[in-house]
Protein backbone atom coordinates (compact mmCIF):
# COMPACT_ATOMS: atom_id res chain seq x y z
CA UNK A 1 17.10 28.54 -7.44
CA UNK A 2 17.90 26.52 -4.31
CA UNK A 3 20.37 23.83 -5.38
CA UNK A 4 19.10 21.20 -2.92
CA UNK A 5 15.54 21.72 -4.11
CA UNK A 6 16.64 21.44 -7.72
CA UNK A 7 18.52 18.23 -6.91
CA UNK A 8 15.38 16.78 -5.30
CA UNK A 9 13.33 17.70 -8.37
CA UNK A 10 15.93 16.13 -10.66
CA UNK A 11 15.98 12.98 -8.55
CA UNK A 12 12.22 12.58 -8.82
CA UNK A 13 12.21 13.28 -12.57
CA UNK A 14 14.86 10.59 -13.03
CA UNK A 15 12.80 8.09 -11.01
CA UNK A 16 9.38 8.96 -12.42
CA UNK A 17 10.57 9.46 -15.99
CA UNK A 18 8.12 12.32 -16.37
CA UNK A 19 8.06 16.08 -15.85
CA UNK A 20 4.25 16.11 -15.54
CA UNK A 21 4.23 13.43 -12.82
CA UNK A 22 6.71 15.40 -10.71
CA UNK A 23 4.75 18.60 -11.30
CA UNK A 24 1.63 16.88 -9.94
CA UNK A 25 3.53 15.53 -6.92
CA UNK A 26 4.95 18.93 -6.02
CA UNK A 27 1.82 20.92 -6.93
CA UNK A 28 3.81 23.03 -9.40
CA UNK A 29 3.87 23.42 -13.16
CA UNK A 30 5.90 21.50 -15.73
CA UNK A 31 7.67 24.73 -16.59
CA UNK A 32 8.81 25.08 -12.97
CA UNK A 33 10.15 21.52 -13.01
CA UNK A 34 11.91 22.27 -16.30
CA UNK A 35 13.51 25.41 -14.80
CA UNK A 36 14.98 23.36 -11.95
CA UNK A 37 16.56 20.93 -14.43
CA UNK A 38 17.81 23.76 -16.63
CA UNK A 39 19.36 25.50 -13.62
CA UNK A 40 21.28 22.33 -12.71
CA UNK A 41 22.43 21.78 -16.29
CA UNK A 42 23.65 25.37 -16.51
CA UNK A 43 25.41 25.09 -13.14
CA UNK A 44 27.12 21.82 -14.12
CA UNK A 45 27.78 22.78 -17.73
CA UNK A 46 26.43 19.49 -19.04
CA UNK A 47 23.19 17.92 -20.21
CA UNK A 48 21.47 15.65 -17.66
CA UNK A 49 18.43 14.50 -19.63
CA UNK A 50 17.59 13.62 -23.22
CA UNK A 51 14.02 14.71 -23.85
CA UNK A 52 11.64 13.99 -26.70
CA UNK A 53 7.87 14.12 -27.05
CA UNK A 54 7.61 10.47 -26.02
CA UNK A 55 10.69 9.66 -23.96
CA UNK A 56 12.87 11.01 -21.21
CA UNK A 57 16.23 9.37 -20.53
CA UNK A 58 19.25 10.17 -18.41
CA UNK A 59 22.46 11.03 -20.20
CA UNK A 60 25.63 9.33 -19.02
CA UNK A 61 26.43 12.40 -16.93
CA UNK A 62 22.82 12.51 -15.71
CA UNK A 63 22.98 8.90 -14.53
CA UNK A 64 26.18 9.60 -12.59
CA UNK A 65 24.75 12.80 -11.11
CA UNK A 66 21.54 11.02 -10.09
CA UNK A 67 23.45 8.62 -7.83
CA UNK A 68 25.29 11.54 -6.23
CA UNK A 69 21.97 13.31 -5.68
CA UNK A 70 20.45 10.29 -3.94
CA UNK A 71 23.43 10.00 -1.61
CA UNK A 72 23.68 13.72 -0.85
CA UNK A 73 19.94 14.20 -0.24
CA UNK A 74 19.75 11.13 2.00
CA UNK A 75 22.82 12.25 3.96
CA UNK A 76 21.32 15.71 4.36
CA UNK A 77 18.05 14.29 5.73
CA UNK A 78 19.95 11.90 7.99
CA UNK A 79 22.05 14.74 9.44
CA UNK A 80 18.98 16.83 10.19
CA UNK A 81 17.13 13.92 11.79
CA UNK A 82 20.14 12.84 13.86
CA UNK A 83 21.09 16.27 15.17
CA UNK A 84 17.51 17.40 15.64
CA UNK A 85 16.23 14.14 17.11
CA UNK A 86 13.57 14.89 19.67
CA UNK A 87 13.58 18.60 18.78
CA UNK A 88 12.72 18.86 15.08
CA UNK A 89 9.24 17.68 14.17
CA UNK A 90 8.95 15.90 10.81
CA UNK A 91 7.76 18.08 7.95
CA UNK A 92 6.76 17.82 4.31
CA UNK A 93 4.34 15.79 2.22
CA UNK A 94 3.83 12.10 2.93
CA UNK A 95 2.70 10.17 -0.13
CA UNK A 96 1.07 6.95 1.03
CA UNK A 97 -0.83 4.20 -0.78
CA UNK A 98 -3.15 1.36 0.19
CA UNK A 99 -6.20 -0.54 -0.97
CA UNK A 100 -9.57 1.16 -0.62
CA UNK A 101 -10.90 -1.32 1.96
CA UNK A 102 -7.85 -1.12 4.19
CA UNK A 103 -7.68 2.66 3.92
CA UNK A 104 -11.35 3.13 4.78
CA UNK A 105 -11.28 0.91 7.86
CA UNK A 106 -7.73 1.20 9.14
CA UNK A 107 -6.02 4.37 7.92
CA UNK A 108 -8.65 7.11 7.53
CA UNK A 109 -10.09 6.89 11.09
CA UNK A 110 -6.63 7.59 12.55
CA UNK A 111 -5.25 10.27 10.21
CA UNK A 112 -6.89 13.15 12.05
CA UNK A 113 -4.94 12.43 15.25
CA UNK A 114 -1.71 11.87 13.31
CA UNK A 115 -2.02 15.21 11.50
CA UNK A 116 -2.87 16.95 14.76
CA UNK A 117 0.25 15.48 16.34
CA UNK A 118 2.45 16.53 13.40
CA UNK A 119 1.10 19.87 12.14
CA UNK A 120 3.87 20.36 9.55
CA UNK A 121 3.07 17.14 7.64
CA UNK A 122 0.70 17.00 4.66
CA UNK A 123 -0.83 13.75 3.37
CA UNK A 124 -1.14 12.78 -0.31
CA UNK A 125 -3.10 9.50 -0.21
CA UNK A 126 -3.28 7.19 -3.24
CA UNK A 127 -6.10 4.79 -2.49
CA UNK A 128 -7.28 1.99 -4.78
CA UNK A 129 -6.77 -1.58 -5.88
CA UNK A 130 -4.13 -1.08 -8.56
CA UNK A 131 -0.51 -2.02 -7.95
CA UNK A 132 1.76 0.98 -7.51
CA UNK A 133 5.41 1.47 -8.37
CA UNK A 134 6.66 3.03 -5.15
CA UNK A 135 9.90 4.42 -6.54
CA UNK A 136 8.58 5.61 -9.89
CA UNK A 137 5.50 7.25 -8.38
CA UNK A 138 7.40 8.86 -5.52
CA UNK A 139 5.44 7.07 -2.79
CA UNK A 140 6.96 7.27 0.69
CA UNK A 141 4.99 4.39 2.19
CA UNK A 142 2.63 1.74 0.84
CA UNK A 143 0.57 -0.59 3.01
CA UNK A 144 0.30 -4.14 1.71
CA UNK A 145 -1.86 -6.98 3.02
CA UNK A 146 -0.76 -10.50 2.09
CA UNK A 147 2.31 -12.28 0.73
CA UNK A 148 5.10 -10.06 -0.53
CA UNK A 149 6.67 -10.27 -3.94
CA UNK A 150 10.46 -10.34 -4.14
CA UNK A 151 11.68 -6.78 -4.46
CA UNK A 152 14.22 -4.28 -3.23
CA UNK A 153 11.59 -2.64 -1.00
CA UNK A 154 11.92 -2.69 2.78
CA UNK A 155 8.98 -4.23 4.66
CA UNK A 156 8.04 -3.47 8.26
CA UNK A 157 5.24 -5.53 9.81
CA UNK A 158 2.54 -3.40 11.42
CA UNK A 159 -0.05 -6.10 12.10
CA UNK A 160 -1.71 -9.34 11.02
CA UNK A 161 -4.88 -10.16 9.15
CA UNK A 162 -6.81 -13.24 10.28
CA UNK A 163 -9.24 -14.37 7.60
CA UNK A 164 -12.71 -15.76 8.18
CA UNK A 165 -15.20 -17.57 5.95
CA UNK A 166 -18.55 -15.75 5.85
CA UNK A 167 -21.88 -15.66 4.08
CA UNK A 168 -25.15 -13.79 4.52
CA UNK A 169 -28.07 -15.42 6.40
CA UNK A 170 -30.14 -15.17 3.20
CA UNK A 171 -27.58 -17.19 1.22
CA UNK A 172 -27.32 -19.84 3.97
CA UNK A 173 -31.10 -20.13 4.26
CA UNK A 174 -31.29 -20.91 0.55
CA UNK A 175 -28.17 -23.05 0.10
CA UNK A 176 -27.40 -24.50 3.54
CA UNK A 177 -24.30 -24.44 5.75
CA UNK A 178 -21.01 -26.03 4.67
CA UNK A 179 -19.69 -28.24 7.48
CA UNK A 180 -16.24 -28.98 6.06
CA UNK A 181 -13.99 -27.19 3.57
CA UNK A 182 -14.79 -29.90 1.01
CA UNK A 183 -18.46 -28.84 1.13
CA UNK A 184 -17.44 -25.51 -0.42
CA UNK A 185 -17.07 -27.30 -3.75
CA UNK A 186 -20.89 -27.40 -3.90
CA UNK A 187 -21.35 -23.71 -3.10
CA UNK A 188 -20.94 -20.48 -5.00
CA UNK A 189 -17.75 -18.86 -3.68
CA UNK A 190 -16.75 -15.24 -4.11
CA UNK A 191 -13.22 -15.06 -5.51
CA UNK A 192 -10.50 -12.41 -5.40
CA UNK A 193 -8.99 -12.17 -8.87
CA UNK A 194 -5.69 -10.67 -7.64
CA UNK A 195 -4.78 -13.61 -5.41
CA UNK A 196 -2.12 -16.01 -6.61
CA UNK A 197 -4.59 -18.95 -6.71
CA UNK A 198 -8.04 -17.31 -6.73
CA UNK A 199 -9.94 -20.60 -7.18
CA UNK A 200 -8.16 -22.40 -4.36
CA UNK A 201 -8.52 -21.85 -0.61
CA UNK A 202 -6.16 -23.41 1.93
CA UNK A 203 -7.27 -24.54 5.39
CA UNK A 204 -5.70 -26.05 8.49
CA UNK A 205 -7.25 -27.85 11.47
CA UNK A 206 -5.85 -29.85 14.37
CA UNK A 207 -7.72 -32.99 13.27
CA UNK A 208 -7.39 -32.78 9.50
CA UNK A 209 -4.09 -30.97 9.01
CA UNK A 210 -3.58 -29.01 5.79
CA UNK A 211 -6.38 -29.08 3.25
CA UNK A 212 -6.95 -27.24 -0.02
CA UNK A 213 -10.25 -26.87 -1.83
CA UNK A 214 -10.88 -26.15 -5.52
CA UNK A 215 -13.71 -23.67 -5.85
CA UNK A 216 -16.35 -22.63 -8.30
CA UNK A 217 -18.16 -19.35 -8.32
CA UNK A 218 -19.94 -16.94 -10.62
CA UNK A 219 -18.51 -13.77 -9.11
CA UNK A 220 -14.86 -12.69 -9.09
CA UNK A 221 -13.53 -9.20 -8.29
CA UNK A 222 -10.24 -7.39 -7.79
CA UNK A 223 -11.68 -5.26 -4.97
CA UNK A 224 -12.17 -6.36 -1.36
CA UNK A 225 -15.03 -3.88 -1.02
CA UNK A 226 -16.78 -5.52 -3.97
CA UNK A 227 -16.45 -8.96 -2.33
CA UNK A 228 -17.92 -7.61 0.92
CA UNK A 229 -20.90 -6.18 -0.94
CA UNK A 230 -21.37 -9.41 -2.88
CA UNK A 231 -21.40 -11.42 0.36
CA UNK A 232 -23.85 -9.01 2.02
CA UNK A 233 -26.15 -9.31 -1.02
CA UNK A 234 -26.23 -13.10 -0.83
CA UNK A 235 -24.16 -13.86 -3.92
CA UNK A 236 -22.04 -16.49 -2.20
CA UNK A 237 -19.43 -17.40 0.41
CA UNK A 238 -16.38 -15.20 0.87
CA UNK A 239 -13.13 -15.12 2.82
CA UNK A 240 -12.52 -11.72 4.37
CA UNK A 241 -10.02 -10.25 6.78
CA UNK A 242 -11.44 -10.15 10.30
CA UNK A 243 -11.32 -6.35 10.41
CA UNK A 244 -13.40 -6.19 7.22
CA UNK A 245 -16.09 -8.53 8.47
CA UNK A 246 -16.22 -7.72 12.20
CA UNK A 247 -18.96 -5.07 12.19
CA UNK A 248 -21.17 -7.01 9.76
CA UNK A 249 -20.86 -10.12 11.92
CA UNK A 250 -21.90 -8.15 15.03
CA UNK A 251 -24.88 -6.75 13.11
CA UNK A 252 -25.95 -10.25 12.03
CA UNK A 253 -25.53 -9.40 8.34
CA UNK A 254 -22.76 -11.99 7.91
CA UNK A 255 -22.33 -15.38 9.56
CA UNK A 256 -18.98 -17.03 10.30
CA UNK A 257 -18.59 -20.51 8.79
CA UNK A 258 -16.11 -23.36 9.33
CA UNK A 259 -14.79 -21.78 12.54
CA UNK A 260 -12.78 -24.91 13.43
CA UNK A 261 -10.86 -24.70 10.16
CA UNK A 262 -8.23 -21.97 9.96
CA UNK A 263 -7.22 -20.02 6.88
CA UNK A 264 -3.73 -18.68 6.44
CA UNK A 265 -2.91 -15.45 8.29
CA UNK A 266 -1.69 -12.50 6.24
CA UNK A 267 0.91 -10.04 7.45
CA UNK A 268 0.20 -6.34 7.05
CA UNK A 269 3.39 -4.60 6.00
CA UNK A 270 4.48 -1.03 5.48
CA UNK A 271 6.69 -0.89 2.39
CA UNK A 272 9.18 1.81 1.50
CA UNK A 273 12.19 2.16 -0.80
CA UNK A 274 15.51 0.77 0.35
CA UNK A 275 17.76 3.51 1.65
CA UNK A 276 20.32 4.01 4.39
CA UNK A 277 18.21 6.68 6.00
CA UNK A 278 14.46 6.41 6.51
CA UNK A 279 12.85 9.88 6.76
CA UNK A 280 11.45 10.76 10.17
CA UNK A 281 7.99 11.34 8.71
CA UNK A 282 7.94 7.73 7.43
CA UNK A 283 9.20 6.32 10.73
CA UNK A 284 6.61 8.27 12.69
CA UNK A 285 3.75 7.09 10.49
CA UNK A 286 4.84 3.43 10.75
CA UNK A 287 4.99 3.70 14.55
CA UNK A 288 1.62 5.42 14.62
CA UNK A 289 -0.05 2.80 12.42
CA UNK A 290 1.35 -0.05 14.52
CA UNK A 291 -0.12 1.48 17.66
CA UNK A 292 -3.41 2.33 15.95
CA UNK A 293 -3.82 -1.22 14.63
CA UNK A 294 -3.73 -2.55 18.20
CA UNK A 295 -6.89 -0.54 18.90
CA UNK A 296 -8.94 -2.30 16.21
C-alpha cells in the first residue's frame, strides 16, 4: 500500500476515533481502513492503536507517530502547493459544513461555478443546524455566522450579516406595529434557541444609545429556516439576517420594523483547523466565497 495514503488514513482515524467514520469519509470499507493501519504497524514493527468493541485509543508509539504524520503530510502538501503554484490545480474532496439556511441561500447557488472552475475537486457538504467538531469529523471548512467561541480554529472573515426586525403583514394587522424596542415586550417574538441570550435582543440608535429588551414568545427554534417560516405564517416578530429576509421583503410577505434601531452585526467566518499550511483547495474556496458574497 502507498505509505503516504496509509499515513493519511491513520491520521484521520486518530482524529475521528473511529474506523467507520473514516471509511464513510473516504468512501471505502472499514476493512480497507484496517488494512492501511495494519500495513503501517507491520512496517513500523509496533502497535499504533488499541482497539476494542467500544473504544479506540492511540498507543504511546501511536501518539508519537501521529504527530510525525501531521507534520510530514502538511509539509508534503505545502511543497506541492509552493512548487506548483499557478500550475497545479487543487484536487481532492472538500468537506464543508454550514447551517441549512446559509447553505441554501449563499453556498449552493455558487457551487456549480466553483466546481466548473476546479474540475478535480469533489464536494462533501454537511448541512444542518447541529454543531460540528471540525477536527474529529475531518471537515476542511465550516462556515459560521455570529460570535465565535474560543477555540484553536482559524477564522477568516468572508462577509457580514446585518440583522433586521420583521413580521408578516397579517401579524401586524392583528397586533399593531412596535414603534420602539421596548414595545416588543408586548408582542410575541420568535426566538432562536441556540443564541447565547435567546430572550434578549440588543439595539443601538443615535438618540437612545444601547438598549436591551427582555422578550416573551410562544415559539422558539434552533433553525433559522423554521424562524423564517414562523414569521411568514404570522406567528410573531423575528430578527433575521438581511440575506434571509431580502426576497420576502421585496415580495411584501415580510415588513421591516424599527428601522431606526440597529441590531448587532454578525461576522460570517470560514473556520478551519490550525495548521502551518492551508491546503490550496481550502484557500480557493474561501476566496471564491468572499467574492460570491459581494454579489448578494
